[in-house]
Structure formats: C-alpha cells, structure tokens
PDB file of N, CA and C in Angstrom:
ATOM      1  N   MET A   1      29.147 -48.721 -69.191  1.00  0.00           N
ATOM      2  CA  MET A   1      28.267 -49.896 -69.200  1.00  0.00           C
ATOM      3  C   MET A   1      28.634 -50.666 -70.373  1.00  0.00           C
ATOM      4  N   ARG A   2      28.817 -52.104 -70.065  1.00  0.00           N
ATOM      5  CA  ARG A   2      29.184 -52.903 -71.118  1.00  0.00           C
ATOM      6  C   ARG A   2      28.054 -54.052 -71.020  1.00  0.00           C
ATOM      7  N   PHE A   3      27.636 -54.583 -72.228  1.00  0.00           N
ATOM      8  CA  PHE A   3      26.732 -55.766 -72.164  1.00  0.00           C
ATOM      9  C   PHE A   3      27.273 -56.980 -71.419  1.00  0.00           C
ATOM     10  N   GLU A   4      28.522 -57.282 -71.615  1.00  0.00           N
ATOM     11  CA  GLU A   4      29.114 -58.401 -70.981  1.00  0.00           C
ATOM     12  C   GLU A   4      29.181 -58.314 -69.500  1.00  0.00           C
ATOM     13  N   ASP A   5      29.031 -57.082 -68.932  1.00  0.00           N
ATOM     14  CA  ASP A   5      28.999 -57.012 -67.476  1.00  0.00           C
ATOM     15  C   ASP A   5      27.682 -57.231 -66.721  1.00  0.00           C
ATOM     16  N   TYR A   6      26.747 -57.602 -67.502  1.00  0.00           N
ATOM     17  CA  TYR A   6      25.362 -57.847 -66.869  1.00  0.00           C
ATOM     18  C   TYR A   6      24.884 -59.215 -67.170  1.00  0.00           C
ATOM     19  N   PRO A   7      24.443 -59.836 -66.261  1.00  0.00           N
ATOM     20  CA  PRO A   7      23.945 -61.251 -66.465  1.00  0.00           C
ATOM     21  C   PRO A   7      22.533 -61.231 -67.245  1.00  0.00           C
ATOM     22  N   ILE A   8      22.340 -62.106 -68.107  1.00  0.00           N
ATOM     23  CA  ILE A   8      21.068 -62.238 -68.829  1.00  0.00           C
ATOM     24  C   ILE A   8      20.339 -63.655 -68.438  1.00  0.00           C
ATOM     25  N   GLU A   9      19.005 -63.687 -68.653  1.00  0.00           N
ATOM     26  CA  GLU A   9      18.411 -64.866 -68.515  1.00  0.00           C
ATOM     27  C   GLU A   9      17.667 -65.118 -69.936  1.00  0.00           C
ATOM     28  N   VAL A  10      17.950 -66.370 -70.409  1.00  0.00           N
ATOM     29  CA  VAL A  10      17.175 -66.737 -71.638  1.00  0.00           C
ATOM     30  C   VAL A  10      16.044 -67.852 -71.298  1.00  0.00           C
ATOM     31  N   SER A  11      14.803 -67.573 -71.851  1.00  0.00           N
ATOM     32  CA  SER A  11      13.797 -68.486 -71.484  1.00  0.00           C
ATOM     33  C   SER A  11      12.956 -68.705 -72.649  1.00  0.00           C
ATOM     34  N   PRO A  12      12.657 -69.863 -72.960  1.00  0.00           N
ATOM     35  CA  PRO A  12      11.777 -70.197 -74.120  1.00  0.00           C
ATOM     36  C   PRO A  12      10.355 -69.584 -73.965  1.00  0.00           C
ATOM     37  N   LEU A  13       9.909 -69.182 -75.054  1.00  0.00           N
ATOM     38  CA  LEU A  13       8.426 -68.588 -75.019  1.00  0.00           C
ATOM     39  C   LEU A  13       7.543 -69.731 -75.607  1.00  0.00           C
ATOM     40  N   PRO A  14       6.398 -69.797 -74.853  1.00  0.00           N
ATOM     41  CA  PRO A  14       5.463 -70.786 -75.303  1.00  0.00           C
ATOM     42  C   PRO A  14       4.898 -70.570 -76.715  1.00  0.00           C
ATOM     43  N   THR A  15       4.546 -71.678 -77.339  1.00  0.00           N
ATOM     44  CA  THR A  15       4.093 -71.586 -78.704  1.00  0.00           C
ATOM     45  C   THR A  15       2.879 -70.734 -78.794  1.00  0.00           C
ATOM     46  N   GLU A  16       2.052 -70.551 -77.837  1.00  0.00           N
ATOM     47  CA  GLU A  16       0.882 -69.773 -77.903  1.00  0.00           C
ATOM     48  C   GLU A  16       1.269 -68.253 -77.924  1.00  0.00           C
ATOM     49  N   GLU A  17       2.490 -68.028 -77.383  1.00  0.00           N
ATOM     50  CA  GLU A  17       2.945 -66.626 -77.353  1.00  0.00           C
ATOM     51  C   GLU A  17       3.968 -66.252 -78.592  1.00  0.00           C
ATOM     52  N   GLY A  18       3.904 -67.178 -79.575  1.00  0.00           N
ATOM     53  CA  GLY A  18       4.679 -67.055 -80.688  1.00  0.00           C
ATOM     54  C   GLY A  18       5.933 -67.840 -80.771  1.00  0.00           C
ATOM     55  N   GLY A  19       6.305 -68.438 -79.701  1.00  0.00           N
ATOM     56  CA  GLY A  19       7.616 -69.289 -79.660  1.00  0.00           C
ATOM     57  C   GLY A  19       8.790 -68.368 -79.629  1.00  0.00           C
ATOM     58  N   GLY A  20       9.838 -69.027 -79.803  1.00  0.00           N
ATOM     59  CA  GLY A  20      11.135 -68.295 -79.706  1.00  0.00           C
ATOM     60  C   GLY A  20      11.743 -68.257 -78.265  1.00  0.00           C
ATOM     61  N   TYR A  21      12.502 -67.196 -78.044  1.00  0.00           N
ATOM     62  CA  TYR A  21      13.153 -67.026 -76.846  1.00  0.00           C
ATOM     63  C   TYR A  21      13.078 -65.586 -76.315  1.00  0.00           C
ATOM     64  N   LEU A  22      12.983 -65.448 -75.020  1.00  0.00           N
ATOM     65  CA  LEU A  22      12.969 -64.162 -74.373  1.00  0.00           C
ATOM     66  C   LEU A  22      14.201 -63.963 -73.534  1.00  0.00           C
ATOM     67  N   VAL A  23      14.812 -62.848 -73.680  1.00  0.00           N
ATOM     68  CA  VAL A  23      16.071 -62.419 -72.836  1.00  0.00           C
ATOM     69  C   VAL A  23      15.684 -61.348 -71.958  1.00  0.00           C
ATOM     70  N   THR A  24      15.948 -61.607 -70.627  1.00  0.00           N
ATOM     71  CA  THR A  24      15.894 -60.494 -69.711  1.00  0.00           C
ATOM     72  C   THR A  24      17.118 -60.236 -69.014  1.00  0.00           C
ATOM     73  N   PHE A  25      17.188 -59.020 -68.409  1.00  0.00           N
ATOM     74  CA  PHE A  25      18.363 -58.615 -67.596  1.00  0.00           C
ATOM     75  C   PHE A  25      17.896 -58.352 -66.287  1.00  0.00           C
ATOM     76  N   PRO A  26      18.132 -59.404 -65.285  1.00  0.00           N
ATOM     77  CA  PRO A  26      17.777 -59.143 -63.909  1.00  0.00           C
ATOM     78  C   PRO A  26      18.102 -57.875 -63.307  1.00  0.00           C
ATOM     79  N   ASP A  27      19.210 -57.245 -63.580  1.00  0.00           N
ATOM     80  CA  ASP A  27      19.642 -56.026 -63.092  1.00  0.00           C
ATOM     81  C   ASP A  27      19.257 -54.780 -63.712  1.00  0.00           C
ATOM     82  N   LEU A  28      18.545 -54.977 -64.890  1.00  0.00           N
ATOM     83  CA  LEU A  28      18.017 -53.768 -65.662  1.00  0.00           C
ATOM     84  C   LEU A  28      16.669 -53.861 -65.860  1.00  0.00           C
ATOM     85  N   PRO A  29      15.796 -53.282 -64.990  1.00  0.00           N
ATOM     86  CA  PRO A  29      14.380 -53.279 -65.116  1.00  0.00           C
ATOM     87  C   PRO A  29      13.754 -52.815 -66.480  1.00  0.00           C
ATOM     88  N   GLY A  30      12.995 -53.623 -67.061  1.00  0.00           N
ATOM     89  CA  GLY A  30      12.381 -53.180 -68.438  1.00  0.00           C
ATOM     90  C   GLY A  30      13.160 -53.456 -69.645  1.00  0.00           C
ATOM     91  N   CYS A  31      14.443 -54.000 -69.403  1.00  0.00           N
ATOM     92  CA  CYS A  31      15.247 -54.181 -70.679  1.00  0.00           C
ATOM     93  C   CYS A  31      15.148 -55.720 -70.965  1.00  0.00           C
ATOM     94  N   ILE A  32      14.346 -55.962 -72.065  1.00  0.00           N
ATOM     95  CA  ILE A  32      14.144 -57.265 -72.533  1.00  0.00           C
ATOM     96  C   ILE A  32      14.296 -57.204 -74.008  1.00  0.00           C
ATOM     97  N   ALA A  33      14.224 -58.493 -74.584  1.00  0.00           N
ATOM     98  CA  ALA A  33      14.303 -58.637 -75.919  1.00  0.00           C
ATOM     99  C   ALA A  33      13.835 -60.135 -76.364  1.00  0.00           C
ATOM    100  N   ASN A  34      13.520 -60.286 -77.521  1.00  0.00           N
ATOM    101  CA  ASN A  34      13.215 -61.719 -78.002  1.00  0.00           C
ATOM    102  C   ASN A  34      13.743 -62.081 -79.355  1.00  0.00           C
ATOM    103  N   GLY A  35      13.673 -63.313 -79.747  1.00  0.00           N
ATOM    104  CA  GLY A  35      14.068 -63.669 -81.070  1.00  0.00           C
ATOM    105  C   GLY A  35      13.628 -65.105 -81.341  1.00  0.00           C
ATOM    106  N   SER A  36      13.757 -65.497 -82.561  1.00  0.00           N
ATOM    107  CA  SER A  36      13.230 -66.956 -82.859  1.00  0.00           C
ATOM    108  C   SER A  36      14.294 -67.939 -82.483  1.00  0.00           C
ATOM    109  N   THR A  37      15.483 -67.634 -82.300  1.00  0.00           N
ATOM    110  CA  THR A  37      16.470 -68.583 -81.851  1.00  0.00           C
ATOM    111  C   THR A  37      17.241 -67.834 -80.629  1.00  0.00           C
ATOM    112  N   VAL A  38      18.018 -68.752 -79.868  1.00  0.00           N
ATOM    113  CA  VAL A  38      18.759 -68.159 -78.765  1.00  0.00           C
ATOM    114  C   VAL A  38      19.737 -67.114 -79.262  1.00  0.00           C
ATOM    115  N   GLU A  39      20.402 -67.335 -80.413  1.00  0.00           N
ATOM    116  CA  GLU A  39      21.380 -66.534 -80.962  1.00  0.00           C
ATOM    117  C   GLU A  39      20.676 -65.080 -81.384  1.00  0.00           C
ATOM    118  N   ALA A  40      19.500 -65.229 -82.030  1.00  0.00           N
ATOM    119  CA  ALA A  40      18.910 -64.054 -82.443  1.00  0.00           C
ATOM    120  C   ALA A  40      18.262 -63.313 -81.308  1.00  0.00           C
ATOM    121  N   ALA A  41      17.824 -63.861 -80.148  1.00  0.00           N
ATOM    122  CA  ALA A  41      17.531 -63.278 -79.066  1.00  0.00           C
ATOM    123  C   ALA A  41      18.612 -62.414 -78.327  1.00  0.00           C
ATOM    124  N   VAL A  42      19.671 -63.108 -78.279  1.00  0.00           N
ATOM    125  CA  VAL A  42      20.834 -62.387 -77.592  1.00  0.00           C
ATOM    126  C   VAL A  42      21.308 -61.263 -78.461  1.00  0.00           C
ATOM    127  N   SER A  43      21.310 -61.553 -79.799  1.00  0.00           N
ATOM    128  CA  SER A  43      21.678 -60.271 -80.618  1.00  0.00           C
ATOM    129  C   SER A  43      20.624 -59.044 -80.472  1.00  0.00           C
ATOM    130  N   GLU A  44      19.376 -59.421 -80.398  1.00  0.00           N
ATOM    131  CA  GLU A  44      18.403 -58.268 -80.020  1.00  0.00           C
ATOM    132  C   GLU A  44      18.619 -57.821 -78.594  1.00  0.00           C
ATOM    133  N   ALA A  45      19.039 -58.561 -77.709  1.00  0.00           N
ATOM    134  CA  ALA A  45      19.271 -58.173 -76.366  1.00  0.00           C
ATOM    135  C   ALA A  45      20.429 -57.099 -76.354  1.00  0.00           C
ATOM    136  N   ARG A  46      21.395 -57.261 -77.232  1.00  0.00           N
ATOM    137  CA  ARG A  46      22.504 -56.420 -77.315  1.00  0.00           C
ATOM    138  C   ARG A  46      21.874 -54.928 -77.769  1.00  0.00           C
ATOM    139  N   ASP A  47      21.065 -55.039 -78.798  1.00  0.00           N
ATOM    140  CA  ASP A  47      20.466 -53.736 -79.185  1.00  0.00           C
ATOM    141  C   ASP A  47      19.556 -53.100 -78.078  1.00  0.00           C
ATOM    142  N   ALA A  48      18.763 -53.980 -77.317  1.00  0.00           N
ATOM    143  CA  ALA A  48      17.952 -53.552 -76.265  1.00  0.00           C
ATOM    144  C   ALA A  48      18.826 -52.831 -75.106  1.00  0.00           C
ATOM    145  N   PHE A  49      19.964 -53.459 -74.847  1.00  0.00           N
ATOM    146  CA  PHE A  49      20.885 -53.152 -73.847  1.00  0.00           C
ATOM    147  C   PHE A  49      21.447 -51.695 -74.283  1.00  0.00           C
ATOM    148  N   ALA A  50      21.817 -51.446 -75.467  1.00  0.00           N
ATOM    149  CA  ALA A  50      22.343 -50.114 -75.895  1.00  0.00           C
ATOM    150  C   ALA A  50      21.365 -49.050 -75.787  1.00  0.00           C
ATOM    151  N   ALA A  51      20.112 -49.416 -76.103  1.00  0.00           N
ATOM    152  CA  ALA A  51      18.946 -48.417 -75.958  1.00  0.00           C
ATOM    153  C   ALA A  51      18.650 -48.100 -74.600  1.00  0.00           C
ATOM    154  N   TRP A  52      18.713 -49.059 -73.795  1.00  0.00           N
ATOM    155  CA  TRP A  52      18.423 -49.016 -72.279  1.00  0.00           C
ATOM    156  C   TRP A  52      19.544 -48.004 -71.676  1.00  0.00           C
ATOM    157  N   ALA A  53      20.889 -48.307 -72.055  1.00  0.00           N
ATOM    158  CA  ALA A  53      21.887 -47.577 -71.526  1.00  0.00           C
ATOM    159  C   ALA A  53      21.857 -46.170 -72.019  1.00  0.00           C
ATOM    160  N   MET A  54      21.529 -45.912 -73.162  1.00  0.00           N
ATOM    161  CA  MET A  54      21.347 -44.484 -73.660  1.00  0.00           C
ATOM    162  C   MET A  54      20.234 -43.705 -72.963  1.00  0.00           C
ATOM    163  N   ALA A  55      19.137 -44.480 -72.652  1.00  0.00           N
ATOM    164  CA  ALA A  55      18.069 -43.743 -72.000  1.00  0.00           C
ATOM    165  C   ALA A  55      18.380 -43.410 -70.549  1.00  0.00           C
ATOM    166  N   GLU A  56      19.193 -44.382 -69.855  1.00  0.00           N
ATOM    167  CA  GLU A  56      19.604 -44.184 -68.557  1.00  0.00           C
ATOM    168  C   GLU A  56      20.677 -42.949 -68.468  1.00  0.00           C
ATOM    169  N   THR A  57      21.552 -42.875 -69.310  1.00  0.00           N
ATOM    170  CA  THR A  57      22.523 -41.743 -69.310  1.00  0.00           C
ATOM    171  C   THR A  57      21.878 -40.495 -69.730  1.00  0.00           C
ATOM    172  N   ALA A  58      20.805 -40.460 -70.473  1.00  0.00           N
ATOM    173  CA  ALA A  58      20.085 -39.243 -70.811  1.00  0.00           C
ATOM    174  C   ALA A  58      19.326 -38.616 -69.598  1.00  0.00           C
ATOM    175  N   GLU A  59      18.975 -39.427 -68.678  1.00  0.00           N
ATOM    176  CA  GLU A  59      18.166 -38.842 -67.593  1.00  0.00           C
ATOM    177  C   GLU A  59      18.907 -37.988 -66.672  1.00  0.00           C
TER     178      GLU A  59
END
C-alpha cells in the first residue's frame, strides 16, 4: 500500500468547526485527517494513512 495510490479529497472546514481543512480517502473508510492549511492536512493524512494501513494488515 502506498499513499500515492489512493485518491484523497480535501475540503475546507467551517469556522464554527475550527476552520482548516479535512482530508478523506474515499477508498479507505474511516481514514481521515485535518490541518490548519492544505499542506498540513495532507501531511497529517500521510500519518493517518500509515496508521490505517498498519491496522488493516494486523487484522
């Protein structure tokens, strides 16, 4: 599994929810991340992807 092989969706978060950006992986249920900038959110998404992949291979 490689991060680059999976599409991501980046969406702005409303100010009332703290602002920033949310990253989701349409093909990986429950794998999400957020950050104050797009770059930070994608960086966090890389970490979330790694954790998701480890959990999936452990099952």
